[in-house]
Every structure is written in structure tokens, then in C-alpha cells.
Amino acid sequence: MTDRTEPKWRKSSRCGNGTCVEVAKVNDTFLIRDSKNPGAPALTFTPQEWAAFVEGVTAGEFVFD
């Protein structure tokens, strides 16, 4: 990231077993990281990519049995 803004990382309130992802937004970029490895590079997504992901989650596309 070229921006010096520190990300404010958030994770789901349902995360209780330590296997969580964290999300942050810096300017117009959404960041995702593994909470067990916060020093690793974060994945980055555009607002359009993030909206498509949220839409997929809402539609149940990522339900695993």
C-alpha cells in the first residue's frame, strides 16, 4: 500500500475458534487477512470485487457442507 493510513482490522463477532479472517478498508481498497498470520500480505479487492463477494455470500454461494 502506498497510503500511510493504518488499516482498522475487524473480524466477525461469530469468530470464536481463532480461524478467522479480518477485513479492513483503506480509501477505496478492501483488505482481507488471516487473523492467525497478521504479518502476511493482505489480499486486496476493489469496491466492485468486494460488492460481488458480499452479494455471493448473501446469496449463499459459499455454503460448504
C-alpha atoms as a PDB file:
ATOM      1  CA  MET A   1       0.000   0.000   0.000  1.00  0.00           C
ATOM      2  CA  THR A   2       1.295   3.415  -0.831  1.00  0.00           C
ATOM      3  CA  ASP A   3      -1.120   5.119   1.576  1.00  0.00           C
ATOM      4  CA  ARG A   4       0.206   5.580   5.108  1.00  0.00           C
ATOM      5  CA  THR A   5      -3.221   5.108   6.690  1.00  0.00           C
ATOM      6  CA  GLU A   6      -3.193   2.233   9.172  1.00  0.00           C
ATOM      7  CA  PRO A   7      -5.955  -0.267   8.453  1.00  0.00           C
ATOM      8  CA  LYS A   8      -8.563  -0.745  11.163  1.00  0.00           C
ATOM      9  CA  TRP A   9      -8.980  -4.526  11.111  1.00  0.00           C
ATOM     10  CA  ARG A  10     -12.329  -6.079  12.018  1.00  0.00           C
ATOM     11  CA  LYS A  11     -13.470  -9.652  12.348  1.00  0.00           C
ATOM     12  CA  SER A  12     -16.849 -11.234  12.785  1.00  0.00           C
ATOM     13  CA  SER A  13     -18.344 -11.324  16.266  1.00  0.00           C
ATOM     14  CA  ARG A  14     -19.025 -15.001  15.489  1.00  0.00           C
ATOM     15  CA  CYS A  15     -15.326 -15.746  15.287  1.00  0.00           C
ATOM     16  CA  GLY A  16     -14.530 -17.757  18.354  1.00  0.00           C
ATOM     17  CA  ASN A  17     -12.146 -20.533  17.423  1.00  0.00           C
ATOM     18  CA  GLY A  18      -9.237 -18.450  16.121  1.00  0.00           C
ATOM     19  CA  THR A  19      -9.647 -19.454  12.470  1.00  0.00           C
ATOM     20  CA  CYS A  20     -10.972 -16.128  11.278  1.00  0.00           C
ATOM     21  CA  VAL A  21     -10.403 -13.630   8.546  1.00  0.00           C
ATOM     22  CA  GLU A  22     -10.153  -9.919   9.203  1.00  0.00           C
ATOM     23  CA  VAL A  23     -11.358  -7.138   6.936  1.00  0.00           C
ATOM     24  CA  ALA A  24     -10.235  -3.522   6.679  1.00  0.00           C
ATOM     25  CA  LYS A  25     -10.951  -0.686   4.276  1.00  0.00           C
ATOM     26  CA  VAL A  26      -8.325   1.889   3.356  1.00  0.00           C
ATOM     27  CA  ASN A  27      -9.524   4.552   0.955  1.00  0.00           C
ATOM     28  CA  ASP A  28     -11.272   2.572  -1.805  1.00  0.00           C
ATOM     29  CA  THR A  29      -9.443  -0.697  -1.203  1.00  0.00           C
ATOM     30  CA  PHE A  30     -10.782  -3.603   0.835  1.00  0.00           C
ATOM     31  CA  LEU A  31      -8.163  -5.730   2.586  1.00  0.00           C
ATOM     32  CA  ILE A  32      -8.528  -9.318   3.834  1.00  0.00           C
ATOM     33  CA  ARG A  33      -6.060 -11.190   6.040  1.00  0.00           C
ATOM     34  CA  ASP A  34      -5.803 -14.337   8.123  1.00  0.00           C
ATOM     35  CA  SER A  35      -6.104 -13.446  11.810  1.00  0.00           C
ATOM     36  CA  LYS A  36      -3.597 -16.193  12.691  1.00  0.00           C
ATOM     37  CA  ASN A  37      -0.963 -14.616  10.442  1.00  0.00           C
ATOM     38  CA  PRO A  38      -1.422 -10.832  10.570  1.00  0.00           C
ATOM     39  CA  GLY A  39       2.086 -10.167   9.272  1.00  0.00           C
ATOM     40  CA  ALA A  40       1.433 -11.882   5.944  1.00  0.00           C
ATOM     41  CA  PRO A  41       0.442  -9.763   2.953  1.00  0.00           C
ATOM     42  CA  ALA A  42      -3.256  -8.954   2.802  1.00  0.00           C
ATOM     43  CA  LEU A  43      -5.422  -9.725  -0.198  1.00  0.00           C
ATOM     44  CA  THR A  44      -6.749  -6.559  -1.835  1.00  0.00           C
ATOM     45  CA  PHE A  45     -10.089  -6.012  -3.549  1.00  0.00           C
ATOM     46  CA  THR A  46     -11.708  -3.157  -5.436  1.00  0.00           C
ATOM     47  CA  PRO A  47     -15.135  -1.895  -4.329  1.00  0.00           C
ATOM     48  CA  GLN A  48     -16.694  -3.790  -7.257  1.00  0.00           C
ATOM     49  CA  GLU A  49     -14.969  -7.045  -6.326  1.00  0.00           C
ATOM     50  CA  TRP A  50     -15.970  -6.636  -2.669  1.00  0.00           C
ATOM     51  CA  ALA A  51     -19.595  -5.942  -3.628  1.00  0.00           C
ATOM     52  CA  ALA A  52     -19.653  -9.101  -5.787  1.00  0.00           C
ATOM     53  CA  PHE A  53     -18.256 -11.130  -2.887  1.00  0.00           C
ATOM     54  CA  VAL A  54     -20.810  -9.767  -0.409  1.00  0.00           C
ATOM     55  CA  GLU A  55     -23.584 -10.439  -2.915  1.00  0.00           C
ATOM     56  CA  GLY A  56     -22.370 -14.033  -3.279  1.00  0.00           C
ATOM     57  CA  VAL A  57     -22.256 -14.543   0.474  1.00  0.00           C
ATOM     58  CA  THR A  58     -25.765 -13.123   0.841  1.00  0.00           C
ATOM     59  CA  ALA A  59     -26.998 -15.436  -1.930  1.00  0.00           C
ATOM     60  CA  GLY A  60     -25.496 -18.489  -0.178  1.00  0.00           C
ATOM     61  CA  GLU A  61     -22.904 -19.226  -2.849  1.00  0.00           C
ATOM     62  CA  PHE A  62     -20.196 -20.026  -0.282  1.00  0.00           C
ATOM     63  CA  VAL A  63     -22.002 -22.543   1.902  1.00  0.00           C
ATOM     64  CA  PHE A  64     -19.951 -25.699   2.452  1.00  0.00           C
ATOM     65  CA  ASP A  65     -21.290 -28.898   3.964  1.00  0.00           C
END
